[in-house]
Amino acid sequence: MNSLLAIKVRETALRVYPEVIKLLEIFRRMINDSIKIGLETNTSSLNPGSPISHTLNRDLTEP
């Protein structure tokens, strides 16, 4: 018996705001830094009070 898969597609216009792009870039860098530190220190999570997490407090607003 053959099965049929139907996919509905709808195109929409997407407005890209510079502020959102900037925030997404900052978020991406924060995540990358967290993963890098976690791999370097063999740590599975960074608690806000952890001394390791303080290294993430650099200025992320500059590219």
N, C-alpha and C. Protein backbone atom coordinates (compact mmCIF):
# COMPACT_ATOMS: atom_id res chain seq x y z
N MET A 1 0.84 -1.17 0.00
CA MET A 1 0.00 0.00 0.00
C MET A 1 0.89 1.24 0.00
N ASN A 2 0.65 2.16 -0.89
CA ASN A 2 1.42 3.39 -0.98
C ASN A 2 0.84 4.44 -0.04
N SER A 3 1.74 5.21 0.55
CA SER A 3 1.28 6.30 1.40
C SER A 3 1.64 7.62 0.75
N LEU A 4 0.84 8.60 1.00
CA LEU A 4 1.03 9.91 0.41
C LEU A 4 1.26 10.92 1.53
N LEU A 5 2.33 11.70 1.39
CA LEU A 5 2.65 12.71 2.38
C LEU A 5 2.37 14.08 1.78
N ALA A 6 1.54 14.85 2.43
CA ALA A 6 1.20 16.19 1.95
C ALA A 6 1.87 17.22 2.85
N ILE A 7 2.47 18.21 2.22
CA ILE A 7 3.11 19.30 2.95
C ILE A 7 2.53 20.61 2.48
N LYS A 8 2.09 21.41 3.43
CA LYS A 8 1.54 22.71 3.10
C LYS A 8 2.61 23.77 3.38
N VAL A 9 2.87 24.60 2.41
CA VAL A 9 3.89 25.63 2.54
C VAL A 9 3.26 26.99 2.33
N ARG A 10 3.63 27.91 3.19
CA ARG A 10 3.12 29.28 3.05
C ARG A 10 4.30 30.23 3.20
N GLU A 11 4.48 31.08 2.22
CA GLU A 11 5.55 32.06 2.29
C GLU A 11 5.05 33.30 3.02
N THR A 12 5.90 33.83 3.87
CA THR A 12 5.57 35.06 4.57
C THR A 12 6.77 36.00 4.49
N ALA A 13 6.49 37.26 4.51
CA ALA A 13 7.56 38.26 4.53
C ALA A 13 8.09 38.37 5.96
N LEU A 14 9.38 38.35 6.11
CA LEU A 14 10.01 38.41 7.42
C LEU A 14 10.79 39.71 7.53
N ARG A 15 10.46 40.48 8.53
CA ARG A 15 11.20 41.72 8.77
C ARG A 15 12.34 41.41 9.73
N VAL A 16 13.53 41.78 9.32
CA VAL A 16 14.71 41.55 10.16
C VAL A 16 15.14 42.88 10.74
N TYR A 17 15.01 43.00 12.05
CA TYR A 17 15.36 44.23 12.73
C TYR A 17 16.80 44.14 13.22
N PRO A 18 17.59 45.18 13.03
CA PRO A 18 18.99 45.16 13.47
C PRO A 18 19.15 44.88 14.96
N GLU A 19 18.23 45.35 15.78
CA GLU A 19 18.31 45.12 17.22
C GLU A 19 18.21 43.63 17.54
N VAL A 20 17.32 42.94 16.83
CA VAL A 20 17.14 41.51 17.05
C VAL A 20 18.38 40.75 16.60
N ILE A 21 18.94 41.13 15.47
CA ILE A 21 20.16 40.49 14.97
C ILE A 21 21.30 40.67 15.97
N LYS A 22 21.42 41.87 16.54
CA LYS A 22 22.46 42.13 17.53
C LYS A 22 22.28 41.26 18.77
N LEU A 23 21.05 41.16 19.26
CA LEU A 23 20.78 40.33 20.44
C LEU A 23 21.05 38.85 20.16
N LEU A 24 20.68 38.39 18.97
CA LEU A 24 20.95 37.00 18.61
C LEU A 24 22.45 36.72 18.54
N GLU A 25 23.22 37.67 18.05
CA GLU A 25 24.67 37.52 17.98
C GLU A 25 25.28 37.47 19.38
N ILE A 26 24.81 38.33 20.28
CA ILE A 26 25.29 38.31 21.66
C ILE A 26 24.94 36.97 22.31
N PHE A 27 23.74 36.50 22.11
CA PHE A 27 23.31 35.22 22.67
C PHE A 27 24.17 34.08 22.13
N ARG A 28 24.43 34.08 20.82
CA ARG A 28 25.27 33.04 20.21
C ARG A 28 26.66 33.03 20.84
N ARG A 29 27.24 34.21 21.03
CA ARG A 29 28.57 34.29 21.61
C ARG A 29 28.57 33.82 23.06
N MET A 30 27.51 34.16 23.82
CA MET A 30 27.42 33.70 25.21
C MET A 30 27.36 32.18 25.28
N ILE A 31 26.56 31.57 24.41
CA ILE A 31 26.45 30.12 24.39
C ILE A 31 27.77 29.48 24.00
N ASN A 32 28.42 30.02 22.97
CA ASN A 32 29.71 29.48 22.55
C ASN A 32 30.75 29.59 23.66
N ASP A 33 30.78 30.72 24.37
CA ASP A 33 31.71 30.88 25.48
C ASP A 33 31.41 29.88 26.59
N SER A 34 30.15 29.67 26.90
CA SER A 34 29.77 28.71 27.94
C SER A 34 30.21 27.30 27.58
N ILE A 35 29.99 26.92 26.33
CA ILE A 35 30.39 25.58 25.88
C ILE A 35 31.90 25.44 25.93
N LYS A 36 32.62 26.45 25.47
CA LYS A 36 34.08 26.42 25.46
C LYS A 36 34.63 26.25 26.87
N ILE A 37 34.11 27.06 27.82
CA ILE A 37 34.57 26.97 29.21
C ILE A 37 34.21 25.63 29.81
N GLY A 38 33.01 25.15 29.52
CA GLY A 38 32.60 23.85 30.03
C GLY A 38 33.50 22.72 29.54
N LEU A 39 33.89 22.75 28.27
CA LEU A 39 34.77 21.73 27.73
C LEU A 39 36.18 21.85 28.28
N GLU A 40 36.66 23.07 28.45
CA GLU A 40 38.01 23.28 28.97
C GLU A 40 38.14 22.88 30.42
N THR A 41 37.09 23.04 31.21
CA THR A 41 37.15 22.76 32.64
C THR A 41 36.43 21.47 33.02
N ASN A 42 35.91 20.77 32.02
CA ASN A 42 35.17 19.53 32.26
C ASN A 42 34.01 19.77 33.22
N THR A 43 33.29 20.85 32.98
CA THR A 43 32.15 21.25 33.81
C THR A 43 30.88 21.10 33.00
N SER A 44 29.85 20.51 33.61
CA SER A 44 28.61 20.29 32.87
C SER A 44 27.63 21.45 32.99
N SER A 45 27.77 22.28 34.03
CA SER A 45 26.88 23.44 34.16
C SER A 45 27.63 24.56 34.85
N LEU A 46 27.25 25.78 34.52
CA LEU A 46 27.85 26.94 35.15
C LEU A 46 26.79 27.65 35.99
N ASN A 47 26.90 27.53 37.29
CA ASN A 47 25.98 28.21 38.18
C ASN A 47 26.33 29.70 38.21
N PRO A 48 25.35 30.57 38.37
CA PRO A 48 25.63 32.01 38.39
C PRO A 48 26.65 32.41 39.45
N GLY A 49 26.72 31.69 40.55
CA GLY A 49 27.67 32.02 41.61
C GLY A 49 29.04 31.40 41.42
N SER A 50 29.19 30.60 40.40
CA SER A 50 30.45 29.91 40.15
C SER A 50 31.54 30.88 39.71
N PRO A 51 32.77 30.72 40.20
CA PRO A 51 33.87 31.58 39.74
C PRO A 51 34.12 31.45 38.24
N ILE A 52 33.82 30.29 37.70
CA ILE A 52 34.00 30.07 36.26
C ILE A 52 33.08 30.97 35.47
N SER A 53 31.85 31.17 35.96
CA SER A 53 30.88 31.97 35.22
C SER A 53 31.27 33.44 35.17
N HIS A 54 32.12 33.89 36.08
CA HIS A 54 32.52 35.30 36.08
C HIS A 54 33.36 35.64 34.85
N THR A 55 33.99 34.66 34.26
CA THR A 55 34.77 34.94 33.04
C THR A 55 33.85 35.26 31.88
N LEU A 56 32.57 34.92 32.00
CA LEU A 56 31.60 35.24 30.95
C LEU A 56 31.10 36.67 31.04
N ASN A 57 31.49 37.38 32.09
CA ASN A 57 30.97 38.73 32.30
C ASN A 57 31.73 39.79 31.52
N ARG A 58 32.37 39.42 30.44
CA ARG A 58 33.06 40.42 29.62
C ARG A 58 32.03 41.21 28.81
N ASP A 59 32.46 42.25 28.19
CA ASP A 59 31.55 43.10 27.42
C ASP A 59 31.16 42.40 26.14
N LEU A 60 29.93 41.92 26.05
CA LEU A 60 29.47 41.19 24.87
C LEU A 60 28.82 42.09 23.84
N THR A 61 28.76 43.38 24.12
CA THR A 61 28.11 44.26 23.16
C THR A 61 29.03 44.62 22.00
N GLU A 62 30.32 44.38 22.14
CA GLU A 62 31.28 44.63 21.07
C GLU A 62 31.47 43.36 20.26
N PRO A 63 31.46 43.45 18.94
CA PRO A 63 31.64 42.24 18.12
C PRO A 63 33.02 41.64 18.21
